[in-house]
C-alpha atoms as a PDB file:
ATOM      1  CA  UNK A   1     118.313 -15.564-124.577  1.00  0.00           C
ATOM      2  CA  UNK A   2     120.561 -14.507-127.456  1.00  0.00           C
ATOM      3  CA  UNK A   3     122.351 -17.852-127.440  1.00  0.00           C
ATOM      4  CA  UNK A   4     119.045 -19.752-127.371  1.00  0.00           C
ATOM      5  CA  UNK A   5     117.726 -17.875-130.419  1.00  0.00           C
ATOM      6  CA  UNK A   6     121.019 -18.367-132.252  1.00  0.00           C
ATOM      7  CA  UNK A   7     121.095 -22.113-131.579  1.00  0.00           C
ATOM      8  CA  UNK A   8     117.467 -22.472-132.654  1.00  0.00           C
ATOM      9  CA  UNK A   9     118.308 -20.858-136.005  1.00  0.00           C
ATOM     10  CA  UNK A  10     121.535 -22.838-136.498  1.00  0.00           C
ATOM     11  CA  UNK A  11     120.084 -26.259-135.762  1.00  0.00           C
ATOM     12  CA  UNK A  12     116.589 -25.714-137.114  1.00  0.00           C
ATOM     13  CA  UNK A  13     114.670 -26.037-133.864  1.00  0.00           C
ATOM     14  CA  UNK A  14     111.296 -24.373-133.785  1.00  0.00           C
ATOM     15  CA  UNK A  15     110.571 -21.714-131.173  1.00  0.00           C
ATOM     16  CA  UNK A  16     108.486 -24.106-129.068  1.00  0.00           C
ATOM     17  CA  UNK A  17     111.430 -26.405-128.337  1.00  0.00           C
ATOM     18  CA  UNK A  18     113.485 -25.449-125.337  1.00  0.00           C
ATOM     19  CA  UNK A  19     117.239 -25.132-125.653  1.00  0.00           C
ATOM     20  CA  UNK A  20     118.741 -24.643-122.243  1.00  0.00           C
ATOM     21  CA  UNK A  21     121.994 -22.742-122.404  1.00  0.00           C
ATOM     22  CA  UNK A  22     123.671 -20.494-119.898  1.00  0.00           C
ATOM     23  CA  UNK A  23     127.191 -19.627-118.892  1.00  0.00           C
ATOM     24  CA  UNK A  24     126.341 -20.348-115.250  1.00  0.00           C
ATOM     25  CA  UNK A  25     124.561 -23.656-115.763  1.00  0.00           C
ATOM     26  CA  UNK A  26     127.616 -25.852-116.335  1.00  0.00           C
ATOM     27  CA  UNK A  27     129.585 -24.680-113.260  1.00  0.00           C
ATOM     28  CA  UNK A  28     126.418 -24.822-111.159  1.00  0.00           C
ATOM     29  CA  UNK A  29     125.782 -28.383-112.268  1.00  0.00           C
ATOM     30  CA  UNK A  30     129.386 -29.151-111.285  1.00  0.00           C
ATOM     31  CA  UNK A  31     128.741 -27.832-107.752  1.00  0.00           C
ATOM     32  CA  UNK A  32     125.601 -29.935-107.487  1.00  0.00           C
ATOM     33  CA  UNK A  33     127.366 -33.101-108.651  1.00  0.00           C
ATOM     34  CA  UNK A  34     130.305 -32.453-106.318  1.00  0.00           C
ATOM     35  CA  UNK A  35     127.991 -32.028-103.315  1.00  0.00           C
ATOM     36  CA  UNK A  36     126.006 -35.124-104.315  1.00  0.00           C
ATOM     37  CA  UNK A  37     129.201 -37.196-104.456  1.00  0.00           C
ATOM     38  CA  UNK A  38     130.309 -35.844-101.067  1.00  0.00           C
ATOM     39  CA  UNK A  39     127.023 -36.961 -99.539  1.00  0.00           C
ATOM     40  CA  UNK A  40     127.137 -40.368-101.234  1.00  0.00           C
ATOM     41  CA  UNK A  41     130.717 -41.026-100.052  1.00  0.00           C
ATOM     42  CA  UNK A  42     130.218 -39.699 -96.509  1.00  0.00           C
ATOM     43  CA  UNK A  43     131.288 -42.082 -93.756  1.00  0.00           C
ATOM     44  CA  UNK A  44     129.980 -41.275 -90.306  1.00  0.00           C
ATOM     45  CA  UNK A  45     132.514 -41.208 -87.446  1.00  0.00           C
ATOM     46  CA  UNK A  46     131.824 -41.423 -83.723  1.00  0.00           C
ATOM     47  CA  UNK A  47     132.512 -38.196 -81.828  1.00  0.00           C
ATOM     48  CA  UNK A  48     132.357 -36.884 -78.293  1.00  0.00           C
ATOM     49  CA  UNK A  49     131.477 -33.521 -76.729  1.00  0.00           C
ATOM     50  CA  UNK A  50     132.643 -31.942 -73.519  1.00  0.00           C
ATOM     51  CA  UNK A  51     129.989 -30.295 -71.370  1.00  0.00           C
ATOM     52  CA  UNK A  52     130.299 -29.654 -67.636  1.00  0.00           C
ATOM     53  CA  UNK A  53     127.709 -28.337 -65.208  1.00  0.00           C
ATOM     54  CA  UNK A  54     128.528 -26.878 -61.815  1.00  0.00           C
ATOM     55  CA  UNK A  55     126.032 -26.201 -59.061  1.00  0.00           C
ATOM     56  CA  UNK A  56     126.927 -23.616 -56.457  1.00  0.00           C
ATOM     57  CA  UNK A  57     126.075 -23.967 -52.792  1.00  0.00           C
ATOM     58  CA  UNK A  58     123.250 -21.496 -53.409  1.00  0.00           C
ATOM     59  CA  UNK A  59     121.767 -23.912 -55.954  1.00  0.00           C
ATOM     60  CA  UNK A  60     122.673 -21.923 -59.066  1.00  0.00           C
ATOM     61  CA  UNK A  61     123.841 -23.803 -62.149  1.00  0.00           C
ATOM     62  CA  UNK A  62     126.704 -22.849 -64.395  1.00  0.00           C
ATOM     63  CA  UNK A  63     127.346 -24.718 -67.632  1.00  0.00           C
ATOM     64  CA  UNK A  64     130.755 -24.950 -69.279  1.00  0.00           C
ATOM     65  CA  UNK A  65     131.112 -26.053 -72.879  1.00  0.00           C
ATOM     66  CA  UNK A  66     134.136 -26.289 -75.077  1.00  0.00           C
ATOM     67  CA  UNK A  67     134.183 -23.989 -78.094  1.00  0.00           C
ATOM     68  CA  UNK A  68     135.424 -26.816 -80.281  1.00  0.00           C
ATOM     69  CA  UNK A  69     132.166 -28.670 -80.688  1.00  0.00           C
ATOM     70  CA  UNK A  70     133.258 -32.218 -81.510  1.00  0.00           C
ATOM     71  CA  UNK A  71     136.188 -34.399 -80.554  1.00  0.00           C
ATOM     72  CA  UNK A  72     136.938 -37.464 -82.620  1.00  0.00           C
ATOM     73  CA  UNK A  73     139.208 -39.066 -80.005  1.00  0.00           C
ATOM     74  CA  UNK A  74     137.748 -40.405 -76.792  1.00  0.00           C
ATOM     75  CA  UNK A  75     140.918 -40.291 -74.652  1.00  0.00           C
ATOM     76  CA  UNK A  76     141.273 -36.468 -74.547  1.00  0.00           C
ATOM     77  CA  UNK A  77     137.665 -36.222 -73.362  1.00  0.00           C
ATOM     78  CA  UNK A  78     138.422 -38.512 -70.466  1.00  0.00           C
ATOM     79  CA  UNK A  79     141.541 -36.536 -69.526  1.00  0.00           C
ATOM     80  CA  UNK A  80     139.725 -33.207 -69.521  1.00  0.00           C
END
């Protein structure tokens, strides 16, 4: 608020004009632009998951999943 009042006096703005200034605004805008560019430049890749189900003789199901969620190579999935 102090900086806004100071800039209004220095540059002759009246109190109804908004001067947006803040020490956090510039870095925050940088984060937003960076994330925007990441999304714009994103290239989707095919991936595979490993999930195995086992049924016991009693009819119970047990599901096994790999902690590493995605594999980007198909061959290791086939080997496992």
